[in-house]
Structures are given as structure tokens and as C-alpha cells.
Amino acid sequence: MKILKLVLSIIVIVFAILGLTRIISFDIANPIMLFALATLLLLRSVEYKRSRDDSGFILTIITSAFVYIVIIYNLFLS
């Protein structure tokens, strides 16, 4: 799980830099970056669930669901 979190963190950072410096179009880099971020939040929520921290679990689940909704809205509805 640590390796997956590290890879997702690197993906978020790389695509943020590539989108902001306009090496890749921000319309392409933004959904990839947000998807990796939401998946990273889901992994963090699993860790909260294992440590029996219910408030952290609920907050990260809600946050990741919101980010997935933003991705869907940006890709399909706008």
C-alpha cells in the first residue's frame, strides 16, 4: 500500500506541474491529476478504517466522492 500511495503522489505532482507549465494541456492533465488524488484519498480512508478512526474515514470518503463528482462533471457535463 505504501508503494501505491507513493506512485499516486508522484502522479499528482507530475501532472500538476505539467499542466501548470502548459507542457500538457491543462484539460488533459487536470482529470488525471484529480483521479490520482481521489484514489489516494480512498487509500487513506482504508487506513482510517483499519485504525478505527471513524471521523477520518467518513471525511476522506466524502472528500474523495466529491473529487470523483468534479471529475465526472468536468469530463462529461461541461
N, C-alpha and C. Protein backbone atom coordinates (compact mmCIF):
# COMPACT_ATOMS: atom_id res chain seq x y z
N MET A 1 0.83 -1.19 0.00
CA MET A 1 0.00 0.00 0.00
C MET A 1 0.88 1.25 0.00
N LYS A 2 2.03 1.19 0.66
CA LYS A 2 2.92 2.36 0.68
C LYS A 2 3.43 2.71 -0.71
N ILE A 3 3.74 1.68 -1.48
CA ILE A 3 4.26 1.92 -2.83
C ILE A 3 3.18 2.53 -3.70
N LEU A 4 1.96 2.05 -3.58
CA LEU A 4 0.86 2.60 -4.37
C LEU A 4 0.58 4.05 -4.00
N LYS A 5 0.64 4.37 -2.72
CA LYS A 5 0.46 5.76 -2.29
C LYS A 5 1.59 6.65 -2.81
N LEU A 6 2.80 6.15 -2.81
CA LEU A 6 3.93 6.91 -3.32
C LEU A 6 3.78 7.16 -4.82
N VAL A 7 3.39 6.14 -5.57
CA VAL A 7 3.21 6.29 -7.01
C VAL A 7 2.10 7.29 -7.32
N LEU A 8 0.98 7.19 -6.60
CA LEU A 8 -0.12 8.13 -6.82
C LEU A 8 0.27 9.56 -6.45
N SER A 9 1.03 9.72 -5.41
CA SER A 9 1.51 11.06 -5.03
C SER A 9 2.41 11.65 -6.10
N ILE A 10 3.28 10.83 -6.65
CA ILE A 10 4.16 11.30 -7.72
C ILE A 10 3.36 11.66 -8.96
N ILE A 11 2.35 10.87 -9.29
CA ILE A 11 1.49 11.17 -10.44
C ILE A 11 0.79 12.51 -10.25
N VAL A 12 0.27 12.74 -9.06
CA VAL A 12 -0.41 14.02 -8.78
C VAL A 12 0.55 15.18 -8.98
N ILE A 13 1.74 15.08 -8.43
CA ILE A 13 2.71 16.17 -8.52
C ILE A 13 3.17 16.39 -9.96
N VAL A 14 3.47 15.31 -10.67
CA VAL A 14 3.96 15.43 -12.04
C VAL A 14 2.91 16.05 -12.95
N PHE A 15 1.67 15.57 -12.87
CA PHE A 15 0.64 16.12 -13.76
C PHE A 15 0.23 17.53 -13.36
N ALA A 16 0.36 17.88 -12.10
CA ALA A 16 0.12 19.27 -11.70
C ALA A 16 1.17 20.18 -12.32
N ILE A 17 2.42 19.76 -12.26
CA ILE A 17 3.50 20.57 -12.84
C ILE A 17 3.35 20.65 -14.36
N LEU A 18 3.07 19.51 -14.99
CA LEU A 18 2.92 19.51 -16.45
C LEU A 18 1.74 20.35 -16.91
N GLY A 19 0.66 20.34 -16.15
CA GLY A 19 -0.50 21.15 -16.52
C GLY A 19 -0.27 22.63 -16.28
N LEU A 20 0.38 22.97 -15.18
CA LEU A 20 0.59 24.38 -14.87
C LEU A 20 1.65 25.03 -15.77
N THR A 21 2.63 24.25 -16.19
CA THR A 21 3.64 24.80 -17.09
C THR A 21 3.23 24.69 -18.56
N ARG A 22 2.06 24.15 -18.80
CA ARG A 22 1.47 24.01 -20.14
C ARG A 22 2.29 23.13 -21.07
N ILE A 23 3.00 22.19 -20.51
CA ILE A 23 3.66 21.18 -21.33
C ILE A 23 2.60 20.24 -21.90
N ILE A 24 1.65 19.88 -21.06
CA ILE A 24 0.45 19.14 -21.47
C ILE A 24 -0.72 20.09 -21.24
N SER A 25 -1.71 20.01 -22.10
CA SER A 25 -2.88 20.84 -21.93
C SER A 25 -3.50 20.60 -20.55
N PHE A 26 -3.90 21.67 -19.89
CA PHE A 26 -4.47 21.54 -18.56
C PHE A 26 -5.78 20.76 -18.60
N ASP A 27 -6.47 20.77 -19.73
CA ASP A 27 -7.71 19.99 -19.87
C ASP A 27 -7.44 18.49 -19.83
N ILE A 28 -6.24 18.09 -20.17
CA ILE A 28 -5.86 16.67 -20.11
C ILE A 28 -5.23 16.34 -18.77
N ALA A 29 -4.38 17.21 -18.28
CA ALA A 29 -3.64 16.93 -17.04
C ALA A 29 -4.53 16.99 -15.81
N ASN A 30 -5.51 17.88 -15.80
CA ASN A 30 -6.35 18.08 -14.63
C ASN A 30 -7.15 16.83 -14.25
N PRO A 31 -7.88 16.17 -15.18
CA PRO A 31 -8.61 14.96 -14.76
C PRO A 31 -7.70 13.83 -14.29
N ILE A 32 -6.54 13.68 -14.91
CA ILE A 32 -5.62 12.63 -14.49
C ILE A 32 -5.12 12.91 -13.08
N MET A 33 -4.76 14.16 -12.83
CA MET A 33 -4.28 14.56 -11.52
C MET A 33 -5.37 14.37 -10.46
N LEU A 34 -6.59 14.79 -10.77
CA LEU A 34 -7.68 14.66 -9.79
C LEU A 34 -8.06 13.21 -9.55
N PHE A 35 -8.00 12.37 -10.58
CA PHE A 35 -8.29 10.96 -10.40
C PHE A 35 -7.27 10.30 -9.48
N ALA A 36 -6.00 10.62 -9.68
CA ALA A 36 -4.97 10.07 -8.80
C ALA A 36 -5.14 10.57 -7.37
N LEU A 37 -5.53 11.84 -7.22
CA LEU A 37 -5.75 12.40 -5.89
C LEU A 37 -6.93 11.73 -5.19
N ALA A 38 -8.03 11.52 -5.91
CA ALA A 38 -9.20 10.87 -5.31
C ALA A 38 -8.89 9.43 -4.92
N THR A 39 -8.13 8.73 -5.75
CA THR A 39 -7.74 7.36 -5.42
C THR A 39 -6.82 7.34 -4.21
N LEU A 40 -5.95 8.32 -4.12
CA LEU A 40 -5.08 8.44 -2.95
C LEU A 40 -5.92 8.67 -1.69
N LEU A 41 -6.94 9.48 -1.79
CA LEU A 41 -7.83 9.70 -0.65
C LEU A 41 -8.58 8.42 -0.26
N LEU A 42 -8.96 7.61 -1.25
CA LEU A 42 -9.62 6.34 -0.93
C LEU A 42 -8.68 5.40 -0.19
N LEU A 43 -7.43 5.37 -0.60
CA LEU A 43 -6.46 4.54 0.12
C LEU A 43 -6.27 5.03 1.55
N ARG A 44 -6.27 6.33 1.71
CA ARG A 44 -6.14 6.90 3.06
C ARG A 44 -7.37 6.55 3.91
N SER A 45 -8.54 6.52 3.29
CA SER A 45 -9.74 6.17 4.05
C SER A 45 -9.71 4.71 4.50
N VAL A 46 -9.12 3.85 3.69
CA VAL A 46 -8.96 2.45 4.11
C VAL A 46 -8.06 2.37 5.34
N GLU A 47 -7.01 3.17 5.36
CA GLU A 47 -6.13 3.19 6.54
C GLU A 47 -6.86 3.70 7.77
N TYR A 48 -7.70 4.72 7.59
CA TYR A 48 -8.50 5.21 8.72
C TYR A 48 -9.46 4.14 9.22
N LYS A 49 -10.05 3.40 8.30
CA LYS A 49 -10.99 2.35 8.70
C LYS A 49 -10.28 1.26 9.48
N ARG A 50 -9.07 0.91 9.05
CA ARG A 50 -8.30 -0.12 9.76
C ARG A 50 -7.90 0.32 11.16
N SER A 51 -7.62 1.62 11.31
CA SER A 51 -7.22 2.12 12.63
C SER A 51 -8.44 2.53 13.47
N ARG A 52 -9.62 2.29 12.94
CA ARG A 52 -10.89 2.55 13.63
C ARG A 52 -11.10 4.02 13.98
N ASP A 53 -10.66 4.87 13.08
CA ASP A 53 -10.90 6.31 13.21
C ASP A 53 -12.07 6.65 12.29
N ASP A 54 -13.28 6.61 12.86
CA ASP A 54 -14.48 6.76 12.04
C ASP A 54 -14.63 8.16 11.45
N SER A 55 -14.25 9.19 12.18
CA SER A 55 -14.41 10.54 11.65
C SER A 55 -13.48 10.78 10.47
N GLY A 56 -12.24 10.31 10.56
CA GLY A 56 -11.31 10.44 9.44
C GLY A 56 -11.76 9.64 8.24
N PHE A 57 -12.31 8.45 8.49
CA PHE A 57 -12.82 7.61 7.42
C PHE A 57 -13.95 8.29 6.67
N ILE A 58 -14.90 8.83 7.40
CA ILE A 58 -16.06 9.47 6.77
C ILE A 58 -15.65 10.72 5.99
N LEU A 59 -14.77 11.53 6.58
CA LEU A 59 -14.33 12.75 5.89
C LEU A 59 -13.56 12.46 4.61
N THR A 60 -12.69 11.46 4.62
CA THR A 60 -11.94 11.16 3.41
C THR A 60 -12.81 10.51 2.35
N ILE A 61 -13.80 9.72 2.75
CA ILE A 61 -14.73 9.13 1.78
C ILE A 61 -15.55 10.23 1.12
N ILE A 62 -16.05 11.16 1.91
CA ILE A 62 -16.84 12.26 1.35
C ILE A 62 -15.98 13.12 0.43
N THR A 63 -14.76 13.39 0.83
CA THR A 63 -13.86 14.20 0.01
C THR A 63 -13.53 13.51 -1.31
N SER A 64 -13.23 12.22 -1.25
CA SER A 64 -12.91 11.51 -2.49
C SER A 64 -14.13 11.40 -3.40
N ALA A 65 -15.32 11.21 -2.83
CA ALA A 65 -16.54 11.18 -3.64
C ALA A 65 -16.77 12.53 -4.32
N PHE A 66 -16.52 13.61 -3.59
CA PHE A 66 -16.66 14.94 -4.17
C PHE A 66 -15.69 15.15 -5.33
N VAL A 67 -14.46 14.70 -5.16
CA VAL A 67 -13.47 14.85 -6.23
C VAL A 67 -13.86 14.02 -7.45
N TYR A 68 -14.37 12.79 -7.24
CA TYR A 68 -14.85 11.99 -8.37
C TYR A 68 -16.02 12.67 -9.08
N ILE A 69 -16.91 13.29 -8.32
CA ILE A 69 -18.04 14.01 -8.93
C ILE A 69 -17.54 15.19 -9.75
N VAL A 70 -16.54 15.89 -9.25
CA VAL A 70 -15.96 17.01 -10.01
C VAL A 70 -15.34 16.52 -11.30
N ILE A 71 -14.66 15.39 -11.26
CA ILE A 71 -14.06 14.82 -12.47
C ILE A 71 -15.15 14.47 -13.49
N ILE A 72 -16.20 13.82 -13.04
CA ILE A 72 -17.30 13.44 -13.94
C ILE A 72 -17.96 14.68 -14.51
N TYR A 73 -18.18 15.67 -13.70
CA TYR A 73 -18.80 16.91 -14.17
C TYR A 73 -17.93 17.59 -15.22
N ASN A 74 -16.64 17.67 -14.96
CA ASN A 74 -15.74 18.35 -15.90
C ASN A 74 -15.59 17.60 -17.21
N LEU A 75 -15.59 16.27 -17.16
CA LEU A 75 -15.40 15.50 -18.37
C LEU A 75 -16.66 15.38 -19.22
N PHE A 76 -17.79 15.17 -18.59
CA PHE A 76 -18.99 14.83 -19.35
C PHE A 76 -20.03 15.93 -19.43
N LEU A 77 -20.07 16.82 -18.47
CA LEU A 77 -21.16 17.80 -18.44
C LEU A 77 -20.74 19.20 -18.83
N SER A 78 -19.44 19.44 -18.95
CA SER A 78 -19.04 20.80 -19.33
C SER A 78 -18.40 20.83 -20.70
